[in-house]
Amino acid sequence: MEGLTRGYAARLVKEGITVNAVAPSLIETDMMHGRTDLASNIPLGRMGQADEVAQAVAMVLGNSYMTGQTIVLNGGMAFI
């Protein structure tokens, strides 16, 4: 997905089109209900919330200068 994002961004930038991605990790949703055991694997100590994903999407949508980026929401899991 990251390669696709960068590839499209490189091809479409000259037309003024930006391409970015938001990559959420463990997010507390109905599908993940009852899986609180997974939070112990996250350095932040909790699962992400849907509104936090929405904030990242809004940030990407509101920035017309950013392109070819992947915003990773993982509570610090990249550190371990």
C-alpha atoms as a PDB file:
ATOM      1  CA  MET A   1       0.000   0.000   0.000  1.00  0.00           C
ATOM      2  CA  GLU A   2       2.856   2.387   0.796  1.00  0.00           C
ATOM      3  CA  GLY A   3       4.457   1.736  -2.588  1.00  0.00           C
ATOM      4  CA  LEU A   4       1.150   2.310  -4.332  1.00  0.00           C
ATOM      5  CA  THR A   5       0.689   5.568  -2.418  1.00  0.00           C
ATOM      6  CA  ARG A   6       4.149   6.838  -3.361  1.00  0.00           C
ATOM      7  CA  GLY A   7       3.801   5.669  -6.960  1.00  0.00           C
ATOM      8  CA  TYR A   8       0.477   7.415  -7.521  1.00  0.00           C
ATOM      9  CA  ALA A   9       1.732  10.512  -5.708  1.00  0.00           C
ATOM     10  CA  ALA A  10       4.745  10.728  -8.032  1.00  0.00           C
ATOM     11  CA  ARG A  11       2.578  10.301 -11.127  1.00  0.00           C
ATOM     12  CA  LEU A  12      -0.208  12.704 -10.129  1.00  0.00           C
ATOM     13  CA  VAL A  13       1.696  15.523  -8.414  1.00  0.00           C
ATOM     14  CA  LYS A  14       2.170  17.464 -11.671  1.00  0.00           C
ATOM     15  CA  GLU A  15      -1.622  17.572 -12.031  1.00  0.00           C
ATOM     16  CA  GLY A  16      -2.017  19.037  -8.552  1.00  0.00           C
ATOM     17  CA  ILE A  17      -3.366  15.800  -7.107  1.00  0.00           C
ATOM     18  CA  THR A  18      -2.023  14.618  -3.760  1.00  0.00           C
ATOM     19  CA  VAL A  19      -2.057  10.980  -2.664  1.00  0.00           C
ATOM     20  CA  ASN A  20      -1.540   9.949   0.957  1.00  0.00           C
ATOM     21  CA  ALA A  21      -2.493   7.022   3.180  1.00  0.00           C
ATOM     22  CA  VAL A  22      -3.544   6.553   6.796  1.00  0.00           C
ATOM     23  CA  ALA A  23      -2.440   3.222   8.275  1.00  0.00           C
ATOM     24  CA  PRO A  24      -4.161   2.497  11.598  1.00  0.00           C
ATOM     25  CA  SER A  25      -2.992  -0.432  13.679  1.00  0.00           C
ATOM     26  CA  LEU A  26      -5.013  -1.823  16.579  1.00  0.00           C
ATOM     27  CA  ILE A  27      -8.119   0.357  16.814  1.00  0.00           C
ATOM     28  CA  GLU A  28     -10.912  -0.236  19.307  1.00  0.00           C
ATOM     29  CA  THR A  29     -13.934  -1.045  17.142  1.00  0.00           C
ATOM     30  CA  ASP A  30     -16.889  -3.421  17.326  1.00  0.00           C
ATOM     31  CA  MET A  31     -14.781  -5.977  15.481  1.00  0.00           C
ATOM     32  CA  MET A  32     -12.077  -5.761  18.185  1.00  0.00           C
ATOM     33  CA  HIS A  33     -14.564  -5.775  21.103  1.00  0.00           C
ATOM     34  CA  GLY A  34     -13.262  -7.871  23.981  1.00  0.00           C
ATOM     35  CA  ARG A  35      -9.672  -7.995  22.696  1.00  0.00           C
ATOM     36  CA  THR A  36      -8.246  -5.791  25.449  1.00  0.00           C
ATOM     37  CA  ASP A  37      -5.436  -8.342  25.832  1.00  0.00           C
ATOM     38  CA  LEU A  38      -3.893  -6.872  22.691  1.00  0.00           C
ATOM     39  CA  ALA A  39      -3.291  -3.548  24.441  1.00  0.00           C
ATOM     40  CA  SER A  40      -0.435  -5.128  26.383  1.00  0.00           C
ATOM     41  CA  ASN A  41       1.512  -5.318  23.101  1.00  0.00           C
ATOM     42  CA  ILE A  42       1.195  -1.562  22.520  1.00  0.00           C
ATOM     43  CA  PRO A  43       3.786   0.703  24.190  1.00  0.00           C
ATOM     44  CA  LEU A  44       1.154   3.415  24.760  1.00  0.00           C
ATOM     45  CA  GLY A  45      -0.798   0.824  26.772  1.00  0.00           C
ATOM     46  CA  ARG A  46      -4.109   1.058  24.963  1.00  0.00           C
ATOM     47  CA  MET A  47      -5.763   0.518  21.618  1.00  0.00           C
ATOM     48  CA  GLY A  48      -6.411   3.475  19.354  1.00  0.00           C
ATOM     49  CA  GLN A  49      -9.801   5.115  19.075  1.00  0.00           C
ATOM     50  CA  ALA A  50     -11.860   5.713  15.937  1.00  0.00           C
ATOM     51  CA  ASP A  51     -11.837   9.472  16.553  1.00  0.00           C
ATOM     52  CA  GLU A  52      -8.021   9.419  16.561  1.00  0.00           C
ATOM     53  CA  VAL A  53      -8.066   7.828  13.117  1.00  0.00           C
ATOM     54  CA  ALA A  54     -10.583  10.451  11.997  1.00  0.00           C
ATOM     55  CA  GLN A  55      -8.259  13.215  13.249  1.00  0.00           C
ATOM     56  CA  ALA A  56      -5.397  11.803  11.158  1.00  0.00           C
ATOM     57  CA  VAL A  57      -7.628  11.614   8.075  1.00  0.00           C
ATOM     58  CA  ALA A  58      -8.778  15.209   8.636  1.00  0.00           C
ATOM     59  CA  MET A  59      -5.149  16.308   8.956  1.00  0.00           C
ATOM     60  CA  VAL A  60      -4.260  14.654   5.649  1.00  0.00           C
ATOM     61  CA  LEU A  61      -7.309  16.131   3.910  1.00  0.00           C
ATOM     62  CA  GLY A  62      -6.537  19.594   5.244  1.00  0.00           C
ATOM     63  CA  ASN A  63      -2.949  19.657   4.000  1.00  0.00           C
ATOM     64  CA  SER A  64      -2.667  20.314   0.277  1.00  0.00           C
ATOM     65  CA  TYR A  65       1.146  20.361   0.359  1.00  0.00           C
ATOM     66  CA  MET A  66       1.668  16.823   1.697  1.00  0.00           C
ATOM     67  CA  THR A  67       1.839  14.014  -0.833  1.00  0.00           C
ATOM     68  CA  GLY A  68       3.240  10.493  -1.004  1.00  0.00           C
ATOM     69  CA  GLN A  69       3.088  10.011   2.769  1.00  0.00           C
ATOM     70  CA  THR A  70       1.738   7.260   4.978  1.00  0.00           C
ATOM     71  CA  ILE A  71       0.533   8.350   8.409  1.00  0.00           C
ATOM     72  CA  VAL A  72       1.044   5.408  10.762  1.00  0.00           C
ATOM     73  CA  LEU A  73      -1.161   5.184  13.870  1.00  0.00           C
ATOM     74  CA  ASN A  74       0.262   2.415  16.021  1.00  0.00           C
ATOM     75  CA  GLY A  75       0.630   3.652  19.613  1.00  0.00           C
ATOM     76  CA  GLY A  76       4.405   3.267  19.422  1.00  0.00           C
ATOM     77  CA  MET A  77       4.487  -0.326  18.173  1.00  0.00           C
ATOM     78  CA  ALA A  78       7.269   0.624  15.752  1.00  0.00           C
ATOM     79  CA  PHE A  79       9.526   1.120  18.778  1.00  0.00           C
ATOM     80  CA  ILE A  80       9.453  -2.519  19.856  1.00  0.00           C
END
